[in-house]
Each structure stands twice: as structure tokens, then as C-alpha cells.
Amino acid sequence: LVATITSTGYTTTYVGSVKGRFTISRDNAKSTMY
């Protein structure tokens, strides 16, 4: 598991090895996660 994001996108979590380097996000209008 690398990263998680809640349905609203307000809360995210990361595995320690990627913290500060990776960013998870989402666009609910486009049904797409990044």
C-alpha cells in the first residue's frame, strides 16, 4: 500500500518511504484519482 485518500479528498495517508515525495489526489467531478 502506497497511499490512501478519503472520499472527499480531505484526508490522505502515505507509506513512510514515499512521504514528502508522493501526493495522492482526486477529482470527483472526473471520477479520477492521481
Full PDB file with SEQRES, HELIX, SHEET, SSBOND, CRYST1, ORIGX, SCALE, CONECT and MASTER records, all heavy atoms in Angstrom:
SEQRES   1 A   34  LEU VAL ALA THR ILE THR SER THR GLY TYR THR THR THR          
SEQRES   2 A   34  TYR VAL GLY SER VAL LYS GLY ARG PHE THR ILE SER ARG          
SEQRES   3 A   34  ASP ASN ALA LYS SER THR MET TYR                              
HELIX    1 AA1 GLY A   16  VAL A   18  5                                   3    
SHEET    1 AA1 2 ALA A   3  ILE A   5  0                                        
SHEET    2 AA1 2 THR A  12  TYR A  14 -1                                        
SHEET    1 AA2 2 ARG A  26  ASP A  27  0                                        
SHEET    2 AA2 2 THR A  32  MET A  33 -1                                        
CRYST1    1.000    1.000    1.000  90.00  90.00  90.00 P 1           1          
ORIGX1      1.000000  0.000000  0.000000        0.00000                         
ORIGX2      0.000000  1.000000  0.000000        0.00000                         
ORIGX3      0.000000  0.000000  1.000000        0.00000                         
SCALE1      1.000000  0.000000  0.000000        0.00000                         
SCALE2      0.000000  1.000000  0.000000        0.00000                         
SCALE3      0.000000  0.000000  1.000000        0.00000                         
ATOM      1  N   LEU A   1       0.854  -1.194   0.000  1.00  0.00           N  
ATOM      2  CA  LEU A   1       0.000   0.000   0.000  1.00  0.00           C  
ATOM      3  C   LEU A   1       0.884   1.236   0.000  1.00  0.00           C  
ATOM      4  O   LEU A   1       1.747   1.380   0.867  1.00  0.00           O  
ATOM      5  CB  LEU A   1      -0.905  -0.013   1.229  1.00  0.00           C  
ATOM      6  CG  LEU A   1      -1.809   1.204   1.420  1.00  0.00           C  
ATOM      7  CD1 LEU A   1      -2.787   1.352   0.271  1.00  0.00           C  
ATOM      8  CD2 LEU A   1      -2.561   1.092   2.749  1.00  0.00           C  
ATOM      9  N   VAL A   2       0.650   2.140  -0.934  1.00  0.00           N  
ATOM     10  CA  VAL A   2       1.464   3.334  -1.080  1.00  0.00           C  
ATOM     11  C   VAL A   2       0.768   4.557  -0.493  1.00  0.00           C  
ATOM     12  O   VAL A   2       1.378   5.330   0.253  1.00  0.00           O  
ATOM     13  CB  VAL A   2       1.783   3.592  -2.562  1.00  0.00           C  
ATOM     14  CG1 VAL A   2       2.534   4.905  -2.747  1.00  0.00           C  
ATOM     15  CG2 VAL A   2       2.564   2.433  -3.151  1.00  0.00           C  
ATOM     16  N   ALA A   3      -0.503   4.749  -0.830  1.00  0.00           N  
ATOM     17  CA  ALA A   3      -1.209   5.950  -0.393  1.00  0.00           C  
ATOM     18  C   ALA A   3      -2.710   5.705  -0.405  1.00  0.00           C  
ATOM     19  O   ALA A   3      -3.204   4.894  -1.198  1.00  0.00           O  
ATOM     20  CB  ALA A   3      -0.869   7.129  -1.297  1.00  0.00           C  
ATOM     21  N   THR A   4      -3.401   6.431   0.469  1.00  0.00           N  
ATOM     22  CA  THR A   4      -4.857   6.346   0.521  1.00  0.00           C  
ATOM     23  C   THR A   4      -5.444   7.751   0.533  1.00  0.00           C  
ATOM     24  O   THR A   4      -4.786   8.712   0.954  1.00  0.00           O  
ATOM     25  CB  THR A   4      -5.345   5.602   1.773  1.00  0.00           C  
ATOM     26  OG1 THR A   4      -5.039   6.405   2.925  1.00  0.00           O  
ATOM     27  CG2 THR A   4      -4.676   4.252   1.921  1.00  0.00           C  
ATOM     28  N   ILE A   5      -6.689   7.861   0.108  1.00  0.00           N  
ATOM     29  CA  ILE A   5      -7.379   9.144   0.119  1.00  0.00           C  
ATOM     30  C   ILE A   5      -8.844   8.890   0.416  1.00  0.00           C  
ATOM     31  O   ILE A   5      -9.444   7.943  -0.117  1.00  0.00           O  
ATOM     32  CB  ILE A   5      -7.182   9.888  -1.225  1.00  0.00           C  
ATOM     33  CG1 ILE A   5      -7.743  11.309  -1.144  1.00  0.00           C  
ATOM     34  CG2 ILE A   5      -7.771   9.103  -2.400  1.00  0.00           C  
ATOM     35  CD1 ILE A   5      -7.292  12.200  -2.300  1.00  0.00           C  
ATOM     36  N   THR A   6      -9.414   9.701   1.294  1.00  0.00           N  
ATOM     37  CA  THR A   6     -10.820   9.553   1.633  1.00  0.00           C  
ATOM     38  C   THR A   6     -11.699  10.050   0.484  1.00  0.00           C  
ATOM     39  O   THR A   6     -11.211  10.652  -0.479  1.00  0.00           O  
ATOM     40  CB  THR A   6     -11.150  10.330   2.907  1.00  0.00           C  
ATOM     41  OG1 THR A   6     -10.748  11.702   2.732  1.00  0.00           O  
ATOM     42  CG2 THR A   6     -10.431   9.744   4.111  1.00  0.00           C  
ATOM     43  N   SER A   7     -12.988   9.789   0.603  1.00  0.00           N  
ATOM     44  CA  SER A   7     -13.908  10.110  -0.481  1.00  0.00           C  
ATOM     45  C   SER A   7     -13.926  11.606  -0.814  1.00  0.00           C  
ATOM     46  O   SER A   7     -14.070  11.984  -1.972  1.00  0.00           O  
ATOM     47  CB  SER A   7     -15.319   9.640  -0.139  1.00  0.00           C  
ATOM     48  OG  SER A   7     -15.769  10.247   1.053  1.00  0.00           O  
ATOM     49  N   THR A   8     -13.747  12.427   0.215  1.00  0.00           N  
ATOM     50  CA  THR A   8     -13.755  13.872  -0.013  1.00  0.00           C  
ATOM     51  C   THR A   8     -12.395  14.389  -0.460  1.00  0.00           C  
ATOM     52  O   THR A   8     -12.289  15.499  -0.972  1.00  0.00           O  
ATOM     53  CB  THR A   8     -14.134  14.616   1.271  1.00  0.00           C  
ATOM     54  OG1 THR A   8     -13.177  14.276   2.283  1.00  0.00           O  
ATOM     55  CG2 THR A   8     -15.538  14.248   1.723  1.00  0.00           C  
ATOM     56  N   GLY A   9     -11.360  13.599  -0.211  1.00  0.00           N  
ATOM     57  CA  GLY A   9     -10.006  14.035  -0.524  1.00  0.00           C  
ATOM     58  C   GLY A   9      -9.355  14.813   0.596  1.00  0.00           C  
ATOM     59  O   GLY A   9      -8.198  15.216   0.482  1.00  0.00           O  
ATOM     60  N   TYR A  10     -10.074  14.995   1.697  1.00  0.00           N  
ATOM     61  CA  TYR A  10      -9.541  15.829   2.780  1.00  0.00           C  
ATOM     62  C   TYR A  10      -8.451  15.123   3.585  1.00  0.00           C  
ATOM     63  O   TYR A  10      -7.602  15.775   4.187  1.00  0.00           O  
ATOM     64  CB  TYR A  10     -10.664  16.262   3.723  1.00  0.00           C  
ATOM     65  CG  TYR A  10     -11.636  17.241   3.107  1.00  0.00           C  
ATOM     66  CD1 TYR A  10     -12.947  17.324   3.583  1.00  0.00           C  
ATOM     67  CD2 TYR A  10     -11.267  18.073   2.060  1.00  0.00           C  
ATOM     68  CE1 TYR A  10     -13.847  18.224   3.036  1.00  0.00           C  
ATOM     69  CE2 TYR A  10     -12.159  18.968   1.503  1.00  0.00           C  
ATOM     70  CZ  TYR A  10     -13.450  19.042   1.992  1.00  0.00           C  
ATOM     71  OH  TYR A  10     -14.348  19.926   1.442  1.00  0.00           O  
ATOM     72  N   THR A  11      -8.492  13.799   3.621  1.00  0.00           N  
ATOM     73  CA  THR A  11      -7.518  13.057   4.418  1.00  0.00           C  
ATOM     74  C   THR A  11      -6.750  12.090   3.530  1.00  0.00           C  
ATOM     75  O   THR A  11      -7.358  11.338   2.752  1.00  0.00           O  
ATOM     76  CB  THR A  11      -8.212  12.272   5.543  1.00  0.00           C  
ATOM     77  OG1 THR A  11      -8.934  13.198   6.371  1.00  0.00           O  
ATOM     78  CG2 THR A  11      -7.191  11.540   6.400  1.00  0.00           C  
ATOM     79  N   THR A  12      -5.440  12.134   3.664  1.00  0.00           N  
ATOM     80  CA  THR A  12      -4.570  11.246   2.897  1.00  0.00           C  
ATOM     81  C   THR A  12      -3.553  10.597   3.834  1.00  0.00           C  
ATOM     82  O   THR A  12      -3.213  11.156   4.882  1.00  0.00           O  
ATOM     83  CB  THR A  12      -3.816  12.024   1.800  1.00  0.00           C  
ATOM     84  OG1 THR A  12      -3.046  13.066   2.411  1.00  0.00           O  
ATOM     85  CG2 THR A  12      -4.781  12.636   0.800  1.00  0.00           C  
ATOM     86  N   THR A  13      -3.093   9.417   3.462  1.00  0.00           N  
ATOM     87  CA  THR A  13      -2.040   8.746   4.212  1.00  0.00           C  
ATOM     88  C   THR A  13      -1.023   8.181   3.224  1.00  0.00           C  
ATOM     89  O   THR A  13      -1.363   7.903   2.053  1.00  0.00           O  
ATOM     90  CB  THR A  13      -2.582   7.602   5.081  1.00  0.00           C  
ATOM     91  OG1 THR A  13      -3.145   6.599   4.227  1.00  0.00           O  
ATOM     92  CG2 THR A  13      -3.642   8.094   6.045  1.00  0.00           C  
ATOM     93  N   TYR A  14       0.204   7.994   3.703  1.00  0.00           N  
ATOM     94  CA  TYR A  14       1.288   7.512   2.850  1.00  0.00           C  
ATOM     95  C   TYR A  14       2.149   6.511   3.600  1.00  0.00           C  
ATOM     96  O   TYR A  14       2.335   6.623   4.820  1.00  0.00           O  
ATOM     97  CB  TYR A  14       2.183   8.682   2.417  1.00  0.00           C  
ATOM     98  CG  TYR A  14       1.456   9.746   1.639  1.00  0.00           C  
ATOM     99  CD1 TYR A  14       0.872  10.827   2.287  1.00  0.00           C  
ATOM    100  CD2 TYR A  14       1.353   9.669   0.248  1.00  0.00           C  
ATOM    101  CE1 TYR A  14       0.185  11.800   1.575  1.00  0.00           C  
ATOM    102  CE2 TYR A  14       0.677  10.645  -0.470  1.00  0.00           C  
ATOM    103  CZ  TYR A  14       0.096  11.702   0.206  1.00  0.00           C  
ATOM    104  OH  TYR A  14      -0.573  12.659  -0.499  1.00  0.00           O  
ATOM    105  N   VAL A  15       2.709   5.561   2.855  1.00  0.00           N  
ATOM    106  CA  VAL A  15       3.737   4.710   3.425  1.00  0.00           C  
ATOM    107  C   VAL A  15       4.973   5.572   3.661  1.00  0.00           C  
ATOM    108  O   VAL A  15       5.223   6.528   2.912  1.00  0.00           O  
ATOM    109  CB  VAL A  15       4.034   3.522   2.488  1.00  0.00           C  
ATOM    110  CG1 VAL A  15       4.699   3.980   1.200  1.00  0.00           C  
ATOM    111  CG2 VAL A  15       4.864   2.478   3.189  1.00  0.00           C  
ATOM    112  N   GLY A  16       5.732   5.241   4.692  1.00  0.00           N  
ATOM    113  CA  GLY A  16       6.837   6.099   5.092  1.00  0.00           C  
ATOM    114  C   GLY A  16       7.854   6.382   4.000  1.00  0.00           C  
ATOM    115  O   GLY A  16       8.412   7.481   3.916  1.00  0.00           O  
ATOM    116  N   SER A  17       8.089   5.407   3.142  1.00  0.00           N  
ATOM    117  CA  SER A  17       9.135   5.554   2.134  1.00  0.00           C  
ATOM    118  C   SER A  17       8.810   6.583   1.049  1.00  0.00           C  
ATOM    119  O   SER A  17       9.706   6.990   0.307  1.00  0.00           O  
ATOM    120  CB  SER A  17       9.413   4.200   1.482  1.00  0.00           C  
ATOM    121  OG  SER A  17       8.244   3.688   0.891  1.00  0.00           O  
ATOM    122  N   VAL A  18       7.544   7.007   0.946  1.00  0.00           N  
ATOM    123  CA  VAL A  18       7.176   7.973  -0.096  1.00  0.00           C  
ATOM    124  C   VAL A  18       6.723   9.315   0.480  1.00  0.00           C  
ATOM    125  O   VAL A  18       6.464  10.250  -0.280  1.00  0.00           O  
ATOM    126  CB  VAL A  18       6.085   7.424  -1.038  1.00  0.00           C  
ATOM    127  CG1 VAL A  18       6.474   6.055  -1.573  1.00  0.00           C  
ATOM    128  CG2 VAL A  18       4.722   7.382  -0.363  1.00  0.00           C  
ATOM    129  N   LYS A  19       6.639   9.410   1.789  1.00  0.00           N  
ATOM    130  CA  LYS A  19       6.181  10.662   2.405  1.00  0.00           C  
ATOM    131  C   LYS A  19       7.089  11.819   2.001  1.00  0.00           C  
ATOM    132  O   LYS A  19       8.309  11.698   2.023  1.00  0.00           O  
ATOM    133  CB  LYS A  19       6.175  10.524   3.927  1.00  0.00           C  
ATOM    134  CG  LYS A  19       4.946   9.835   4.471  1.00  0.00           C  
ATOM    135  CD  LYS A  19       4.978   9.795   6.000  1.00  0.00           C  
ATOM    136  CE  LYS A  19       3.768   9.082   6.547  1.00  0.00           C  
ATOM    137  NZ  LYS A  19       3.808   8.965   8.028  1.00  0.00           N  
ATOM    138  N   GLY A  20       6.461  12.925   1.627  1.00  0.00           N  
ATOM    139  CA  GLY A  20       7.211  14.095   1.197  1.00  0.00           C  
ATOM    140  C   GLY A  20       7.585  14.081  -0.268  1.00  0.00           C  
ATOM    141  O   GLY A  20       8.046  15.101  -0.798  1.00  0.00           O  
ATOM    142  N   ARG A  21       7.417  12.947  -0.936  1.00  0.00           N  
ATOM    143  CA  ARG A  21       7.762  12.845  -2.360  1.00  0.00           C  
ATOM    144  C   ARG A  21       6.531  12.593  -3.230  1.00  0.00           C  
ATOM    145  O   ARG A  21       6.474  13.057  -4.372  1.00  0.00           O  
ATOM    146  CB  ARG A  21       8.763  11.715  -2.579  1.00  0.00           C  
ATOM    147  CG  ARG A  21      10.066  11.883  -1.825  1.00  0.00           C  
ATOM    148  CD  ARG A  21      11.098  10.833  -2.243  1.00  0.00           C  
ATOM    149  NE  ARG A  21      10.669   9.476  -1.951  1.00  0.00           N  
ATOM    150  CZ  ARG A  21      10.522   8.520  -2.878  1.00  0.00           C  
ATOM    151  NH1 ARG A  21      10.772   8.777  -4.153  1.00  0.00           N  
ATOM    152  NH2 ARG A  21      10.141   7.290  -2.515  1.00  0.00           N  
ATOM    153  N   PHE A  22       5.577  11.840  -2.724  1.00  0.00           N  
ATOM    154  CA  PHE A  22       4.367  11.493  -3.479  1.00  0.00           C  
ATOM    155  C   PHE A  22       3.162  12.258  -2.917  1.00  0.00           C  
ATOM    156  O   PHE A  22       3.077  12.503  -1.718  1.00  0.00           O  
ATOM    157  CB  PHE A  22       4.066  10.002  -3.379  1.00  0.00           C  
ATOM    158  CG  PHE A  22       5.018   9.101  -4.105  1.00  0.00           C  
ATOM    159  CD1 PHE A  22       6.220   9.539  -4.616  1.00  0.00           C  
ATOM    160  CD2 PHE A  22       4.698   7.755  -4.278  1.00  0.00           C  
ATOM    161  CE1 PHE A  22       7.092   8.694  -5.280  1.00  0.00           C  
ATOM    162  CE2 PHE A  22       5.549   6.883  -4.932  1.00  0.00           C  
ATOM    163  CZ  PHE A  22       6.756   7.359  -5.428  1.00  0.00           C  
ATOM    164  N   THR A  23       2.237  12.591  -3.801  1.00  0.00           N  
ATOM    165  CA  THR A  23       0.996  13.239  -3.401  1.00  0.00           C  
ATOM    166  C   THR A  23      -0.178  12.567  -4.094  1.00  0.00           C  
ATOM    167  O   THR A  23      -0.225  12.510  -5.333  1.00  0.00           O  
ATOM    168  CB  THR A  23       1.008  14.726  -3.758  1.00  0.00           C  
ATOM    169  OG1 THR A  23       2.120  15.367  -3.134  1.00  0.00           O  
ATOM    170  CG2 THR A  23      -0.276  15.408  -3.279  1.00  0.00           C  
ATOM    171  N   ILE A  24      -1.102  12.061  -3.288  1.00  0.00           N  
ATOM    172  CA  ILE A  24      -2.325  11.467  -3.820  1.00  0.00           C  
ATOM    173  C   ILE A  24      -3.412  12.535  -3.846  1.00  0.00           C  
ATOM    174  O   ILE A  24      -3.501  13.378  -2.941  1.00  0.00           O  
ATOM    175  CB  ILE A  24      -2.758  10.250  -2.973  1.00  0.00           C  
ATOM    176  CG1 ILE A  24      -3.913   9.492  -3.625  1.00  0.00           C  
ATOM    177  CG2 ILE A  24      -3.088  10.651  -1.543  1.00  0.00           C  
ATOM    178  CD1 ILE A  24      -4.253   8.179  -2.923  1.00  0.00           C  
ATOM    179  N   SER A  25      -4.218  12.524  -4.897  1.00  0.00           N  
ATOM    180  CA  SER A  25      -5.307  13.492  -5.003  1.00  0.00           C  
ATOM    181  C   SER A  25      -6.424  12.883  -5.842  1.00  0.00           C  
ATOM    182  O   SER A  25      -6.258  11.801  -6.403  1.00  0.00           O  
ATOM    183  CB  SER A  25      -4.813  14.805  -5.631  1.00  0.00           C  
ATOM    184  OG  SER A  25      -4.349  14.592  -6.949  1.00  0.00           O  
ATOM    185  N   ARG A  26      -7.528  13.591  -5.922  1.00  0.00           N  
ATOM    186  CA  ARG A  26      -8.655  13.091  -6.708  1.00  0.00           C  
ATOM    187  C   ARG A  26      -9.482  14.242  -7.232  1.00  0.00           C  
ATOM    188  O   ARG A  26      -9.517  15.326  -6.648  1.00  0.00           O  
ATOM    189  CB  ARG A  26      -9.518  12.149  -5.858  1.00  0.00           C  
ATOM    190  CG  ARG A  26     -10.189  12.822  -4.677  1.00  0.00           C  
ATOM    191  CD  ARG A  26     -10.780  11.782  -3.724  1.00  0.00           C  
ATOM    192  NE  ARG A  26     -11.856  11.023  -4.357  1.00  0.00           N  
ATOM    193  CZ  ARG A  26     -12.264   9.805  -3.938  1.00  0.00           C  
ATOM    194  NH1 ARG A  26     -11.666   9.226  -2.907  1.00  0.00           N  
ATOM    195  NH2 ARG A  26     -13.245   9.201  -4.548  1.00  0.00           N  
ATOM    196  N   ASP A  27     -10.189  13.967  -8.323  1.00  0.00           N  
ATOM    197  CA  ASP A  27     -11.139  14.903  -8.899  1.00  0.00           C  
ATOM    198  C   ASP A  27     -12.458  14.151  -9.016  1.00  0.00           C  
ATOM    199  O   ASP A  27     -12.645  13.351  -9.954  1.00  0.00           O  
ATOM    200  CB  ASP A  27     -10.648  15.378 -10.267  1.00  0.00           C  
ATOM    201  CG  ASP A  27     -11.547  16.443 -10.880  1.00  0.00           C  
ATOM    202  OD1 ASP A  27     -12.735  16.497 -10.503  1.00  0.00           O  
ATOM    203  OD2 ASP A  27     -11.071  17.196 -11.728  1.00  0.00           O  
ATOM    204  N   ASN A  28     -13.353  14.370  -8.076  1.00  0.00           N  
ATOM    205  CA  ASN A  28     -14.607  13.617  -8.070  1.00  0.00           C  
ATOM    206  C   ASN A  28     -15.491  13.949  -9.268  1.00  0.00           C  
ATOM    207  O   ASN A  28     -16.277  13.113  -9.702  1.00  0.00           O  
ATOM    208  CB  ASN A  28     -15.351  13.850  -6.763  1.00  0.00           C  
ATOM    209  CG  ASN A  28     -14.734  13.083  -5.599  1.00  0.00           C  
ATOM    210  OD1 ASN A  28     -13.895  12.190  -5.803  1.00  0.00           O  
ATOM    211  ND2 ASN A  28     -15.103  13.434  -4.381  1.00  0.00           N  
ATOM    212  N   ALA A  29     -15.362  15.154  -9.807  1.00  0.00           N  
ATOM    213  CA  ALA A  29     -16.141  15.518 -10.991  1.00  0.00           C  
ATOM    214  C   ALA A  29     -15.711  14.696 -12.214  1.00  0.00           C  
ATOM    215  O   ALA A  29     -16.511  14.464 -13.119  1.00  0.00           O  
ATOM    216  CB  ALA A  29     -15.993  16.998 -11.281  1.00  0.00           C  
ATOM    217  N   LYS A  30     -14.465  14.265 -12.218  1.00  0.00           N  
ATOM    218  CA  LYS A  30     -13.939  13.464 -13.336  1.00  0.00           C  
ATOM    219  C   LYS A  30     -13.811  11.991 -12.987  1.00  0.00           C  
ATOM    220  O   LYS A  30     -13.332  11.204 -13.808  1.00  0.00           O  
ATOM    221  CB  LYS A  30     -12.575  14.001 -13.768  1.00  0.00           C  
ATOM    222  CG  LYS A  30     -12.606  15.407 -14.327  1.00  0.00           C  
ATOM    223  CD  LYS A  30     -11.218  15.839 -14.770  1.00  0.00           C  
ATOM    224  CE  LYS A  30     -11.250  17.242 -15.378  1.00  0.00           C  
ATOM    225  NZ  LYS A  30      -9.898  17.700 -15.795  1.00  0.00           N  
ATOM    226  N   SER A  31     -14.199  11.613 -11.779  1.00  0.00           N  
ATOM    227  CA  SER A  31     -14.049  10.221 -11.319  1.00  0.00           C  
ATOM    228  C   SER A  31     -12.628   9.720 -11.567  1.00  0.00           C  
ATOM    229  O   SER A  31     -12.417   8.607 -12.074  1.00  0.00           O  
ATOM    230  CB  SER A  31     -15.062   9.306 -12.025  1.00  0.00           C  
ATOM    231  OG  SER A  31     -16.381   9.646 -11.653  1.00  0.00           O  
ATOM    232  N   THR A  32     -11.673  10.518 -11.190  1.00  0.00           N  
ATOM    233  CA  THR A  32     -10.269  10.199 -11.442  1.00  0.00           C  
ATOM    234  C   THR A  32      -9.435  10.474 -10.202  1.00  0.00           C  
ATOM    235  O   THR A  32      -9.623  11.480  -9.519  1.00  0.00           O  
ATOM    236  CB  THR A  32      -9.734  11.008 -12.632  1.00  0.00           C  
ATOM    237  OG1 THR A  32     -10.526  10.727 -13.791  1.00  0.00           O  
ATOM    238  CG2 THR A  32      -8.286  10.648 -12.929  1.00  0.00           C  
ATOM    239  N   MET A  33      -8.503   9.565  -9.950  1.00  0.00           N  
ATOM    240  CA  MET A  33      -7.545   9.708  -8.855  1.00  0.00           C  
ATOM    241  C   MET A  33      -6.154   9.855  -9.458  1.00  0.00           C  
ATOM    242  O   MET A  33      -5.890   9.341 -10.552  1.00  0.00           O  
ATOM    243  CB  MET A  33      -7.602   8.465  -7.957  1.00  0.00           C  
ATOM    244  CG  MET A  33      -6.596   8.460  -6.839  1.00  0.00           C  
ATOM    245  SD  MET A  33      -6.749   7.041  -5.739  1.00  0.00           S  
ATOM    246  CE  MET A  33      -6.287   5.683  -6.815  1.00  0.00           C  
ATOM    247  N   TYR A  34      -5.285  10.548  -8.735  1.00  0.00           N  
ATOM    248  CA  TYR A  34      -3.939  10.807  -9.240  1.00  0.00           C  
ATOM    249  C   TYR A  34      -2.895  10.431  -8.192  1.00  0.00           C  
ATOM    250  O   TYR A  34      -3.179  10.382  -6.996  1.00  0.00           O  
ATOM    251  CB  TYR A  34      -3.788  12.295  -9.571  1.00  0.00           C  
ATOM    252  CG  TYR A  34      -4.810  12.807 -10.540  1.00  0.00           C  
ATOM    253  CD1 TYR A  34      -5.948  13.465 -10.083  1.00  0.00           C  
ATOM    254  CD2 TYR A  34      -4.658  12.617 -11.907  1.00  0.00           C  
ATOM    255  CE1 TYR A  34      -6.907  13.936 -10.967  1.00  0.00           C  
ATOM    256  CE2 TYR A  34      -5.613  13.084 -12.801  1.00  0.00           C  
ATOM    257  CZ  TYR A  34      -6.736  13.744 -12.325  1.00  0.00           C  
ATOM    258  OH  TYR A  34      -7.684  14.201 -13.206  1.00  0.00           O  
TER     259      TYR A  34                                                      
MASTER        0    0    0    1    4    0    0    6  258    1    0    3          
END                                                                             
